[in-house]
Amino acid sequence: MPIAYFICPDGKKTKILSCLNKCHMRERCMFLPTLRAIASSSDRKLFKPSVTELITGTREIYLKRTNEYP
C-alpha cells in the first residue's frame, strides 16, 4: 500500500487527499505543486519489486506493501 498520510508541522496526521484539497492550518507548509509531486511519486503502481526494494530489508518492504503508513 502506498503512503496514506502526511505529517503536518503541528504533528497531526492528515490524509493526503484532504491535505491537497484544503489545508487545516492557517497556511500551507509547502507549495501545493510540491505536495502533489510528493503524493504522486509515492504511489508508482509497480507490481514487480524495484531495485531499491530489492536492497531493502524483506520485512520492511512487506510492511510497506501491506499497511498504510505516514
PDB file of N, CA and C in Angstrom:
ATOM      1  N   MET A   1       0.852  -1.180   0.000  1.00  0.00           N
ATOM      2  CA  MET A   1       0.000   0.000   0.000  1.00  0.00           C
ATOM      3  C   MET A   1       0.887   1.229   0.000  1.00  0.00           C
ATOM      4  N   PRO A   2       0.436   2.221  -0.675  1.00  0.00           N
ATOM      5  CA  PRO A   2       1.238   3.444  -0.688  1.00  0.00           C
ATOM      6  C   PRO A   2       1.075   4.232   0.602  1.00  0.00           C
ATOM      7  N   ILE A   3       1.868   5.218   0.733  1.00  0.00           N
ATOM      8  CA  ILE A   3       1.782   6.132   1.859  1.00  0.00           C
ATOM      9  C   ILE A   3       0.393   6.779   1.861  1.00  0.00           C
ATOM     10  N   ALA A   4      -0.193   6.933   3.024  1.00  0.00           N
ATOM     11  CA  ALA A   4      -1.575   7.384   3.127  1.00  0.00           C
ATOM     12  C   ALA A   4      -1.728   8.742   3.796  1.00  0.00           C
ATOM     13  N   TYR A   5      -0.735   9.151   4.564  1.00  0.00           N
ATOM     14  CA  TYR A   5      -0.853  10.383   5.349  1.00  0.00           C
ATOM     15  C   TYR A   5       0.378  11.267   5.168  1.00  0.00           C
ATOM     16  N   PHE A   6       0.163  12.549   5.333  1.00  0.00           N
ATOM     17  CA  PHE A   6       1.258  13.495   5.522  1.00  0.00           C
ATOM     18  C   PHE A   6       1.273  13.818   7.011  1.00  0.00           C
ATOM     19  N   ILE A   7       2.437  14.071   7.554  1.00  0.00           N
ATOM     20  CA  ILE A   7       2.527  14.540   8.934  1.00  0.00           C
ATOM     21  C   ILE A   7       2.804  16.036   8.876  1.00  0.00           C
ATOM     22  N   CYS A   8       1.869  16.808   9.398  1.00  0.00           N
ATOM     23  CA  CYS A   8       1.948  18.272   9.334  1.00  0.00           C
ATOM     24  C   CYS A   8       2.961  18.806  10.351  1.00  0.00           C
ATOM     25  N   PRO A   9       3.397  20.056  10.177  1.00  0.00           N
ATOM     26  CA  PRO A   9       4.341  20.654  11.128  1.00  0.00           C
ATOM     27  C   PRO A   9       3.825  20.686  12.570  1.00  0.00           C
ATOM     28  N   ASP A  10       2.498  20.694  12.748  1.00  0.00           N
ATOM     29  CA  ASP A  10       1.953  20.687  14.108  1.00  0.00           C
ATOM     30  C   ASP A  10       1.874  19.277  14.690  1.00  0.00           C
ATOM     31  N   GLY A  11       2.326  18.251  13.921  1.00  0.00           N
ATOM     32  CA  GLY A  11       2.372  16.889  14.406  1.00  0.00           C
ATOM     33  C   GLY A  11       1.154  16.045  14.080  1.00  0.00           C
ATOM     34  N   LYS A  12       0.113  16.634  13.480  1.00  0.00           N
ATOM     35  CA  LYS A  12      -1.096  15.885  13.151  1.00  0.00           C
ATOM     36  C   LYS A  12      -0.901  15.099  11.858  1.00  0.00           C
ATOM     37  N   LYS A  13      -1.477  13.884  11.816  1.00  0.00           N
ATOM     38  CA  LYS A  13      -1.508  13.106  10.583  1.00  0.00           C
ATOM     39  C   LYS A  13      -2.712  13.571   9.776  1.00  0.00           C
ATOM     40  N   THR A  14      -2.514  13.839   8.496  1.00  0.00           N
ATOM     41  CA  THR A  14      -3.583  14.292   7.627  1.00  0.00           C
ATOM     42  C   THR A  14      -3.614  13.409   6.392  1.00  0.00           C
ATOM     43  N   LYS A  15      -4.793  12.910   6.024  1.00  0.00           N
ATOM     44  CA  LYS A  15      -4.913  12.140   4.793  1.00  0.00           C
ATOM     45  C   LYS A  15      -4.413  12.987   3.632  1.00  0.00           C
ATOM     46  N   ILE A  16      -3.747  12.365   2.685  1.00  0.00           N
ATOM     47  CA  ILE A  16      -3.126  13.100   1.587  1.00  0.00           C
ATOM     48  C   ILE A  16      -4.161  13.872   0.772  1.00  0.00           C
ATOM     49  N   LEU A  17      -5.270  13.225   0.407  1.00  0.00           N
ATOM     50  CA  LEU A  17      -6.289  13.930  -0.389  1.00  0.00           C
ATOM     51  C   LEU A  17      -6.879  15.103   0.374  1.00  0.00           C
ATOM     52  N   SER A  18      -7.082  14.934   1.666  1.00  0.00           N
ATOM     53  CA  SER A  18      -7.598  16.016   2.495  1.00  0.00           C
ATOM     54  C   SER A  18      -6.629  17.194   2.513  1.00  0.00           C
ATOM     55  N   CYS A  19      -5.349  16.884   2.621  1.00  0.00           N
ATOM     56  CA  CYS A  19      -4.321  17.929   2.631  1.00  0.00           C
ATOM     57  C   CYS A  19      -4.278  18.673   1.299  1.00  0.00           C
ATOM     58  N   LEU A  20      -4.366  17.926   0.204  1.00  0.00           N
ATOM     59  CA  LEU A  20      -4.301  18.567  -1.114  1.00  0.00           C
ATOM     60  C   LEU A  20      -5.531  19.423  -1.385  1.00  0.00           C
ATOM     61  N   ASN A  21      -6.689  19.010  -0.873  1.00  0.00           N
ATOM     62  CA  ASN A  21      -7.916  19.784  -1.094  1.00  0.00           C
ATOM     63  C   ASN A  21      -7.964  21.055  -0.255  1.00  0.00           C
ATOM     64  N   LYS A  22      -7.672  20.927   1.036  1.00  0.00           N
ATOM     65  CA  LYS A  22      -7.717  22.099   1.917  1.00  0.00           C
ATOM     66  C   LYS A  22      -6.839  21.838   3.128  1.00  0.00           C
ATOM     67  N   CYS A  23      -5.907  22.707   3.359  1.00  0.00           N
ATOM     68  CA  CYS A  23      -5.003  22.578   4.499  1.00  0.00           C
ATOM     69  C   CYS A  23      -5.743  22.998   5.775  1.00  0.00           C
ATOM     70  N   HIS A  24      -5.547  22.235   6.854  1.00  0.00           N
ATOM     71  CA  HIS A  24      -6.223  22.573   8.107  1.00  0.00           C
ATOM     72  C   HIS A  24      -5.489  23.673   8.879  1.00  0.00           C
ATOM     73  N   MET A  25      -4.272  23.973   8.465  1.00  0.00           N
ATOM     74  CA  MET A  25      -3.508  25.026   9.129  1.00  0.00           C
ATOM     75  C   MET A  25      -3.818  26.375   8.468  1.00  0.00           C
ATOM     76  N   ARG A  26      -3.330  27.422   9.062  1.00  0.00           N
ATOM     77  CA  ARG A  26      -3.593  28.760   8.531  1.00  0.00           C
ATOM     78  C   ARG A  26      -2.991  28.929   7.147  1.00  0.00           C
ATOM     79  N   GLU A  27      -1.784  28.423   6.947  1.00  0.00           N
ATOM     80  CA  GLU A  27      -1.163  28.444   5.626  1.00  0.00           C
ATOM     81  C   GLU A  27      -0.412  27.135   5.421  1.00  0.00           C
ATOM     82  N   ARG A  28      -0.222  26.784   4.167  1.00  0.00           N
ATOM     83  CA  ARG A  28       0.416  25.506   3.839  1.00  0.00           C
ATOM     84  C   ARG A  28       1.878  25.487   4.253  1.00  0.00           C
ATOM     85  N   CYS A  29       2.344  24.289   4.597  1.00  0.00           N
ATOM     86  CA  CYS A  29       3.742  24.124   4.984  1.00  0.00           C
ATOM     87  C   CYS A  29       4.654  24.070   3.748  1.00  0.00           C
ATOM     88  N   MET A  30       4.088  23.658   2.604  1.00  0.00           N
ATOM     89  CA  MET A  30       4.830  23.589   1.344  1.00  0.00           C
ATOM     90  C   MET A  30       3.908  24.081   0.240  1.00  0.00           C
ATOM     91  N   PHE A  31       4.493  24.380  -0.905  1.00  0.00           N
ATOM     92  CA  PHE A  31       3.681  24.797  -2.042  1.00  0.00           C
ATOM     93  C   PHE A  31       2.852  23.610  -2.529  1.00  0.00           C
ATOM     94  N   LEU A  32       1.647  23.879  -3.016  1.00  0.00           N
ATOM     95  CA  LEU A  32       0.731  22.831  -3.454  1.00  0.00           C
ATOM     96  C   LEU A  32       1.330  21.953  -4.567  1.00  0.00           C
ATOM     97  N   PRO A  33       2.009  22.506  -5.588  1.00  0.00           N
ATOM     98  CA  PRO A  33       2.606  21.635  -6.598  1.00  0.00           C
ATOM     99  C   PRO A  33       3.646  20.667  -6.022  1.00  0.00           C
ATOM    100  N   THR A  34       4.366  21.097  -4.998  1.00  0.00           N
ATOM    101  CA  THR A  34       5.349  20.226  -4.348  1.00  0.00           C
ATOM    102  C   THR A  34       4.642  19.085  -3.629  1.00  0.00           C
ATOM    103  N   LEU A  35       3.571  19.382  -2.914  1.00  0.00           N
ATOM    104  CA  LEU A  35       2.810  18.352  -2.217  1.00  0.00           C
ATOM    105  C   LEU A  35       2.197  17.358  -3.202  1.00  0.00           C
ATOM    106  N   ARG A  36       1.698  17.864  -4.331  1.00  0.00           N
ATOM    107  CA  ARG A  36       1.142  16.969  -5.359  1.00  0.00           C
ATOM    108  C   ARG A  36       2.215  16.047  -5.919  1.00  0.00           C
ATOM    109  N   ALA A  37       3.403  16.587  -6.153  1.00  0.00           N
ATOM    110  CA  ALA A  37       4.506  15.770  -6.681  1.00  0.00           C
ATOM    111  C   ALA A  37       4.907  14.684  -5.692  1.00  0.00           C
ATOM    112  N   ILE A  38       4.954  15.007  -4.413  1.00  0.00           N
ATOM    113  CA  ILE A  38       5.289  14.014  -3.392  1.00  0.00           C
ATOM    114  C   ILE A  38       4.222  12.926  -3.354  1.00  0.00           C
ATOM    115  N   ALA A  39       2.956  13.330  -3.406  1.00  0.00           N
ATOM    116  CA  ALA A  39       1.855  12.363  -3.360  1.00  0.00           C
ATOM    117  C   ALA A  39       1.876  11.448  -4.580  1.00  0.00           C
ATOM    118  N   SER A  40       2.123  11.989  -5.754  1.00  0.00           N
ATOM    119  CA  SER A  40       2.114  11.147  -6.957  1.00  0.00           C
ATOM    120  C   SER A  40       3.340  10.241  -7.034  1.00  0.00           C
ATOM    121  N   SER A  41       4.471  10.674  -6.491  1.00  0.00           N
ATOM    122  CA  SER A  41       5.669   9.836  -6.545  1.00  0.00           C
ATOM    123  C   SER A  41       5.625   8.709  -5.528  1.00  0.00           C
ATOM    124  N   SER A  42       4.748   8.803  -4.543  1.00  0.00           N
ATOM    125  CA  SER A  42       4.694   7.765  -3.515  1.00  0.00           C
ATOM    126  C   SER A  42       3.937   6.526  -3.991  1.00  0.00           C
ATOM    127  N   ASP A  43       3.059   6.654  -4.968  1.00  0.00           N
ATOM    128  CA  ASP A  43       2.310   5.514  -5.491  1.00  0.00           C
ATOM    129  C   ASP A  43       2.642   5.345  -6.962  1.00  0.00           C
ATOM    130  N   ARG A  44       3.675   4.556  -7.238  1.00  0.00           N
ATOM    131  CA  ARG A  44       4.142   4.401  -8.608  1.00  0.00           C
ATOM    132  C   ARG A  44       3.464   3.254  -9.341  1.00  0.00           C
ATOM    133  N   LYS A  45       2.595   2.515  -8.670  1.00  0.00           N
ATOM    134  CA  LYS A  45       1.842   1.410  -9.243  1.00  0.00           C
ATOM    135  C   LYS A  45       2.745   0.358  -9.892  1.00  0.00           C
ATOM    136  N   LEU A  46       3.811   0.015  -9.201  1.00  0.00           N
ATOM    137  CA  LEU A  46       4.714  -1.029  -9.665  1.00  0.00           C
ATOM    138  C   LEU A  46       4.265  -2.363  -9.080  1.00  0.00           C
ATOM    139  N   PHE A  47       4.197  -3.381  -9.913  1.00  0.00           N
ATOM    140  CA  PHE A  47       3.785  -4.690  -9.432  1.00  0.00           C
ATOM    141  C   PHE A  47       4.985  -5.586  -9.144  1.00  0.00           C
ATOM    142  N   LYS A  48       6.075  -5.331  -9.811  1.00  0.00           N
ATOM    143  CA  LYS A  48       7.304  -6.064  -9.536  1.00  0.00           C
ATOM    144  C   LYS A  48       8.169  -5.194  -8.627  1.00  0.00           C
ATOM    145  N   PRO A  49       9.025  -5.809  -7.831  1.00  0.00           N
ATOM    146  CA  PRO A  49       9.869  -5.004  -6.932  1.00  0.00           C
ATOM    147  C   PRO A  49      10.869  -4.136  -7.712  1.00  0.00           C
ATOM    148  N   SER A  50      11.106  -2.956  -7.187  1.00  0.00           N
ATOM    149  CA  SER A  50      12.100  -2.059  -7.791  1.00  0.00           C
ATOM    150  C   SER A  50      13.487  -2.417  -7.250  1.00  0.00           C
ATOM    151  N   VAL A  51      14.519  -1.854  -7.833  1.00  0.00           N
ATOM    152  CA  VAL A  51      15.883  -2.104  -7.377  1.00  0.00           C
ATOM    153  C   VAL A  51      16.044  -1.667  -5.923  1.00  0.00           C
ATOM    154  N   THR A  52      15.471  -0.534  -5.575  1.00  0.00           N
ATOM    155  CA  THR A  52      15.558  -0.041  -4.199  1.00  0.00           C
ATOM    156  C   THR A  52      14.896  -1.018  -3.231  1.00  0.00           C
ATOM    157  N   GLU A  53      13.759  -1.577  -3.629  1.00  0.00           N
ATOM    158  CA  GLU A  53      13.097  -2.551  -2.766  1.00  0.00           C
ATOM    159  C   GLU A  53      13.933  -3.816  -2.611  1.00  0.00           C
ATOM    160  N   LEU A  54      14.647  -4.200  -3.637  1.00  0.00           N
ATOM    161  CA  LEU A  54      15.451  -5.418  -3.568  1.00  0.00           C
ATOM    162  C   LEU A  54      16.620  -5.296  -2.597  1.00  0.00           C
ATOM    163  N   ILE A  55      17.130  -4.085  -2.406  1.00  0.00           N
ATOM    164  CA  ILE A  55      18.245  -3.913  -1.475  1.00  0.00           C
ATOM    165  C   ILE A  55      17.786  -3.521  -0.070  1.00  0.00           C
ATOM    166  N   THR A  56      16.474  -3.343   0.109  1.00  0.00           N
ATOM    167  CA  THR A  56      15.906  -3.012   1.412  1.00  0.00           C
ATOM    168  C   THR A  56      15.509  -4.308   2.118  1.00  0.00           C
ATOM    169  N   GLY A  57      15.369  -4.243   3.418  1.00  0.00           N
ATOM    170  CA  GLY A  57      15.006  -5.419   4.197  1.00  0.00           C
ATOM    171  C   GLY A  57      13.660  -6.000   3.795  1.00  0.00           C
ATOM    172  N   THR A  58      13.567  -7.320   3.809  1.00  0.00           N
ATOM    173  CA  THR A  58      12.358  -8.027   3.396  1.00  0.00           C
ATOM    174  C   THR A  58      11.155  -7.642   4.253  1.00  0.00           C
ATOM    175  N   ARG A  59      11.324  -7.582   5.546  1.00  0.00           N
ATOM    176  CA  ARG A  59      10.206  -7.254   6.441  1.00  0.00           C
ATOM    177  C   ARG A  59       9.703  -5.836   6.213  1.00  0.00           C
ATOM    178  N   GLU A  60      10.642  -4.912   6.014  1.00  0.00           N
ATOM    179  CA  GLU A  60      10.249  -3.520   5.793  1.00  0.00           C
ATOM    180  C   GLU A  60       9.409  -3.391   4.527  1.00  0.00           C
ATOM    181  N   ILE A  61       9.837  -4.013   3.448  1.00  0.00           N
ATOM    182  CA  ILE A  61       9.090  -3.947   2.186  1.00  0.00           C
ATOM    183  C   ILE A  61       7.731  -4.614   2.331  1.00  0.00           C
ATOM    184  N   TYR A  62       7.684  -5.760   3.014  1.00  0.00           N
ATOM    185  CA  TYR A  62       6.406  -6.441   3.232  1.00  0.00           C
ATOM    186  C   TYR A  62       5.434  -5.521   3.972  1.00  0.00           C
ATOM    187  N   LEU A  63       5.899  -4.887   5.031  1.00  0.00           N
ATOM    188  CA  LEU A  63       5.030  -3.991   5.799  1.00  0.00           C
ATOM    189  C   LEU A  63       4.580  -2.794   4.976  1.00  0.00           C
ATOM    190  N   LYS A  64       5.472  -2.223   4.167  1.00  0.00           N
ATOM    191  CA  LYS A  64       5.107  -1.075   3.329  1.00  0.00           C
ATOM    192  C   LYS A  64       4.078  -1.459   2.271  1.00  0.00           C
ATOM    193  N   ARG A  65       4.153  -2.683   1.769  1.00  0.00           N
ATOM    194  CA  ARG A  65       3.203  -3.113   0.739  1.00  0.00           C
ATOM    195  C   ARG A  65       1.865  -3.551   1.308  1.00  0.00           C
ATOM    196  N   THR A  66       1.810  -3.891   2.582  1.00  0.00           N
ATOM    197  CA  THR A  66       0.562  -4.421   3.145  1.00  0.00           C
ATOM    198  C   THR A  66      -0.126  -3.473   4.134  1.00  0.00           C
ATOM    199  N   ASN A  67       0.523  -2.388   4.543  1.00  0.00           N
ATOM    200  CA  ASN A  67      -0.055  -1.466   5.529  1.00  0.00           C
ATOM    201  C   ASN A  67       0.077  -0.028   5.058  1.00  0.00           C
ATOM    202  N   GLU A  68      -0.897   0.787   5.448  1.00  0.00           N
ATOM    203  CA  GLU A  68      -0.788   2.213   5.199  1.00  0.00           C
ATOM    204  C   GLU A  68       0.216   2.780   6.200  1.00  0.00           C
ATOM    205  N   TYR A  69       0.979   3.749   5.782  1.00  0.00           N
ATOM    206  CA  TYR A  69       1.956   4.337   6.696  1.00  0.00           C
ATOM    207  C   TYR A  69       2.114   5.818   6.384  1.00  0.00           C
ATOM    208  N   PRO A  70       2.535   6.609   7.381  1.00  0.00           N
ATOM    209  CA  PRO A  70       2.724   8.048   7.148  1.00  0.00           C
ATOM    210  C   PRO A  70       4.051   8.324   6.472  1.00  0.00           C
TER     211      PRO A  70
END
